[in-house]
């Protein structure tokens, strides 16, 4: 029961919960879809 609850929370935390430090993206979005690096002018 505890393992299932922890796994469900980690799934929510990484896949569904937006993080302010990641510009309101989820950790999965930040990892799998990185922000493109802009070239210097």
PDB file of N, CA and C in Angstrom:
ATOM      1  N   UNK A   1       0.824  -1.203   0.000  1.00  0.00           N
ATOM      2  CA  UNK A   1       0.000   0.000   0.000  1.00  0.00           C
ATOM      3  C   UNK A   1       0.864   1.261   0.000  1.00  0.00           C
ATOM      4  N   UNK A   2       1.877   1.295   0.853  1.00  0.00           N
ATOM      5  CA  UNK A   2       2.729   2.486   0.918  1.00  0.00           C
ATOM      6  C   UNK A   2       3.498   2.683  -0.389  1.00  0.00           C
ATOM      7  N   UNK A   3       4.003   1.594  -0.950  1.00  0.00           N
ATOM      8  CA  UNK A   3       4.753   1.710  -2.212  1.00  0.00           C
ATOM      9  C   UNK A   3       3.870   2.248  -3.331  1.00  0.00           C
ATOM     10  N   UNK A   4       2.650   1.789  -3.378  1.00  0.00           N
ATOM     11  CA  UNK A   4       1.714   2.253  -4.399  1.00  0.00           C
ATOM     12  C   UNK A   4       1.429   3.737  -4.228  1.00  0.00           C
ATOM     13  N   UNK A   5       1.229   4.160  -2.998  1.00  0.00           N
ATOM     14  CA  UNK A   5       0.958   5.575  -2.730  1.00  0.00           C
ATOM     15  C   UNK A   5       2.142   6.450  -3.114  1.00  0.00           C
ATOM     16  N   UNK A   6       3.341   6.003  -2.782  1.00  0.00           N
ATOM     17  CA  UNK A   6       4.547   6.767  -3.123  1.00  0.00           C
ATOM     18  C   UNK A   6       4.718   6.829  -4.637  1.00  0.00           C
ATOM     19  N   UNK A   7       4.508   5.716  -5.310  1.00  0.00           N
ATOM     20  CA  UNK A   7       4.635   5.687  -6.772  1.00  0.00           C
ATOM     21  C   UNK A   7       3.619   6.619  -7.421  1.00  0.00           C
ATOM     22  N   UNK A   8       2.404   6.642  -6.902  1.00  0.00           N
ATOM     23  CA  UNK A   8       1.380   7.539  -7.449  1.00  0.00           C
ATOM     24  C   UNK A   8       1.765   8.996  -7.240  1.00  0.00           C
ATOM     25  N   UNK A   9       2.304   9.326  -6.069  1.00  0.00           N
ATOM     26  CA  UNK A   9       2.692  10.713  -5.816  1.00  0.00           C
ATOM     27  C   UNK A   9       3.858  11.119  -6.718  1.00  0.00           C
ATOM     28  N   UNK A  10       4.852  10.258  -6.862  1.00  0.00           N
ATOM     29  CA  UNK A  10       5.986  10.586  -7.734  1.00  0.00           C
ATOM     30  C   UNK A  10       5.528  10.775  -9.176  1.00  0.00           C
ATOM     31  N   UNK A  11       4.596   9.977  -9.619  1.00  0.00           N
ATOM     32  CA  UNK A  11       4.030  10.142 -10.957  1.00  0.00           C
ATOM     33  C   UNK A  11       3.369  11.508 -11.084  1.00  0.00           C
ATOM     34  N   UNK A  12       2.567  11.872 -10.106  1.00  0.00           N
ATOM     35  CA  UNK A  12       1.925  13.188 -10.104  1.00  0.00           C
ATOM     36  C   UNK A  12       2.971  14.296 -10.080  1.00  0.00           C
ATOM     37  N   UNK A  13       3.971  14.185  -9.214  1.00  0.00           N
ATOM     38  CA  UNK A  13       4.985  15.224  -9.030  1.00  0.00           C
ATOM     39  C   UNK A  13       5.787  15.454 -10.311  1.00  0.00           C
ATOM     40  N   UNK A  14       6.139  14.396 -10.999  1.00  0.00           N
ATOM     41  CA  UNK A  14       6.994  14.517 -12.180  1.00  0.00           C
ATOM     42  C   UNK A  14       6.242  14.724 -13.485  1.00  0.00           C
ATOM     43  N   UNK A  15       5.019  14.256 -13.576  1.00  0.00           N
ATOM     44  CA  UNK A  15       4.309  14.293 -14.858  1.00  0.00           C
ATOM     45  C   UNK A  15       3.168  15.283 -14.927  1.00  0.00           C
ATOM     46  N   UNK A  16       2.596  15.683 -13.789  1.00  0.00           N
ATOM     47  CA  UNK A  16       1.394  16.512 -13.836  1.00  0.00           C
ATOM     48  C   UNK A  16       1.533  17.835 -13.108  1.00  0.00           C
ATOM     49  N   UNK A  17       2.393  17.924 -12.097  1.00  0.00           N
ATOM     50  CA  UNK A  17       2.470  19.117 -11.261  1.00  0.00           C
ATOM     51  C   UNK A  17       3.447  20.125 -11.856  1.00  0.00           C
ATOM     52  N   UNK A  18       2.975  21.305 -12.257  1.00  0.00           N
ATOM     53  CA  UNK A  18       3.887  22.327 -12.776  1.00  0.00           C
ATOM     54  C   UNK A  18       4.757  22.893 -11.653  1.00  0.00           C
ATOM     55  N   UNK A  19       5.988  23.222 -11.982  1.00  0.00           N
ATOM     56  CA  UNK A  19       6.938  23.757 -11.015  1.00  0.00           C
ATOM     57  C   UNK A  19       7.295  25.189 -11.409  1.00  0.00           C
ATOM     58  N   UNK A  20       7.264  26.092 -10.454  1.00  0.00           N
ATOM     59  CA  UNK A  20       7.571  27.495 -10.752  1.00  0.00           C
ATOM     60  C   UNK A  20       9.023  27.659 -11.196  1.00  0.00           C
ATOM     61  N   UNK A  21       9.931  26.850 -10.655  1.00  0.00           N
ATOM     62  CA  UNK A  21      11.340  26.967 -11.035  1.00  0.00           C
ATOM     63  C   UNK A  21      11.597  26.479 -12.459  1.00  0.00           C
ATOM     64  N   UNK A  22      10.647  25.772 -13.036  1.00  0.00           N
ATOM     65  CA  UNK A  22      10.774  25.277 -14.412  1.00  0.00           C
ATOM     66  C   UNK A  22       9.866  26.048 -15.357  1.00  0.00           C
ATOM     67  N   UNK A  23       9.555  27.275 -14.985  1.00  0.00           N
ATOM     68  CA  UNK A  23       8.693  28.137 -15.798  1.00  0.00           C
ATOM     69  C   UNK A  23       7.324  27.497 -16.015  1.00  0.00           C
ATOM     70  N   UNK A  24       6.770  26.962 -14.932  1.00  0.00           N
ATOM     71  CA  UNK A  24       5.435  26.340 -14.896  1.00  0.00           C
ATOM     72  C   UNK A  24       5.333  25.100 -15.785  1.00  0.00           C
ATOM     73  N   UNK A  25       6.445  24.442 -16.020  1.00  0.00           N
ATOM     74  CA  UNK A  25       6.427  23.169 -16.747  1.00  0.00           C
ATOM     75  C   UNK A  25       6.610  22.038 -15.744  1.00  0.00           C
ATOM     76  N   UNK A  26       6.243  20.835 -16.149  1.00  0.00           N
ATOM     77  CA  UNK A  26       6.480  19.679 -15.296  1.00  0.00           C
ATOM     78  C   UNK A  26       7.933  19.240 -15.467  1.00  0.00           C
ATOM     79  N   UNK A  27       8.487  18.497 -14.500  1.00  0.00           N
ATOM     80  CA  UNK A  27       9.846  17.993 -14.677  1.00  0.00           C
ATOM     81  C   UNK A  27      10.003  17.143 -15.938  1.00  0.00           C
ATOM     82  N   UNK A  28       9.007  16.331 -16.254  1.00  0.00           N
ATOM     83  CA  UNK A  28       9.094  15.534 -17.483  1.00  0.00           C
ATOM     84  C   UNK A  28       9.151  16.417 -18.721  1.00  0.00           C
ATOM     85  N   UNK A  29       8.351  17.480 -18.763  1.00  0.00           N
ATOM     86  CA  UNK A  29       8.392  18.399 -19.907  1.00  0.00           C
ATOM     87  C   UNK A  29       9.756  19.073 -20.002  1.00  0.00           C
ATOM     88  N   UNK A  30      10.296  19.483 -18.878  1.00  0.00           N
ATOM     89  CA  UNK A  30      11.594  20.157 -18.878  1.00  0.00           C
ATOM     90  C   UNK A  30      12.709  19.208 -19.319  1.00  0.00           C
ATOM     91  N   UNK A  31      12.613  17.950 -18.950  1.00  0.00           N
ATOM     92  CA  UNK A  31      13.656  16.985 -19.293  1.00  0.00           C
ATOM     93  C   UNK A  31      13.548  16.518 -20.740  1.00  0.00           C
ATOM     94  N   UNK A  32      12.348  16.152 -21.152  1.00  0.00           N
ATOM     95  CA  UNK A  32      12.171  15.563 -22.478  1.00  0.00           C
ATOM     96  C   UNK A  32      11.983  16.588 -23.586  1.00  0.00           C
ATOM     97  N   UNK A  33      11.624  17.824 -23.238  1.00  0.00           N
ATOM     98  CA  UNK A  33      11.443  18.888 -24.225  1.00  0.00           C
ATOM     99  C   UNK A  33      12.212  20.122 -23.762  1.00  0.00           C
ATOM    100  N   UNK A  34      13.533  20.064 -23.802  1.00  0.00           N
ATOM    101  CA  UNK A  34      14.304  21.203 -23.298  1.00  0.00           C
ATOM    102  C   UNK A  34      14.056  22.472 -24.109  1.00  0.00           C
ATOM    103  N   UNK A  35      14.191  23.585 -23.443  1.00  0.00           N
ATOM    104  CA  UNK A  35      14.043  24.881 -24.097  1.00  0.00           C
ATOM    105  C   UNK A  35      15.204  25.071 -25.064  1.00  0.00           C
ATOM    106  N   UNK A  36      14.939  25.439 -26.307  1.00  0.00           N
ATOM    107  CA  UNK A  36      16.035  25.627 -27.264  1.00  0.00           C
ATOM    108  C   UNK A  36      16.952  26.772 -26.835  1.00  0.00           C
ATOM    109  N   UNK A  37      18.225  26.591 -27.093  1.00  0.00           N
ATOM    110  CA  UNK A  37      19.216  27.616 -26.779  1.00  0.00           C
ATOM    111  C   UNK A  37      19.241  28.616 -27.928  1.00  0.00           C
ATOM    112  N   UNK A  38      19.062  29.875 -27.612  1.00  0.00           N
ATOM    113  CA  UNK A  38      19.074  30.918 -28.634  1.00  0.00           C
ATOM    114  C   UNK A  38      20.513  31.304 -28.957  1.00  0.00           C
ATOM    115  N   UNK A  39      20.788  31.528 -30.219  1.00  0.00           N
ATOM    116  CA  UNK A  39      22.119  31.931 -30.649  1.00  0.00           C
ATOM    117  C   UNK A  39      22.344  33.401 -30.312  1.00  0.00           C
ATOM    118  N   UNK A  40      23.566  33.722 -29.951  1.00  0.00           N
ATOM    119  CA  UNK A  40      23.910  35.112 -29.656  1.00  0.00           C
ATOM    120  C   UNK A  40      23.914  35.921 -30.950  1.00  0.00           C
ATOM    121  N   UNK A  41      23.551  37.163 -30.841  1.00  0.00           N
ATOM    122  CA  UNK A  41      23.488  38.030 -32.022  1.00  0.00           C
ATOM    123  C   UNK A  41      24.869  38.462 -32.462  1.00  0.00           C
TER     124      UNK A  41
END
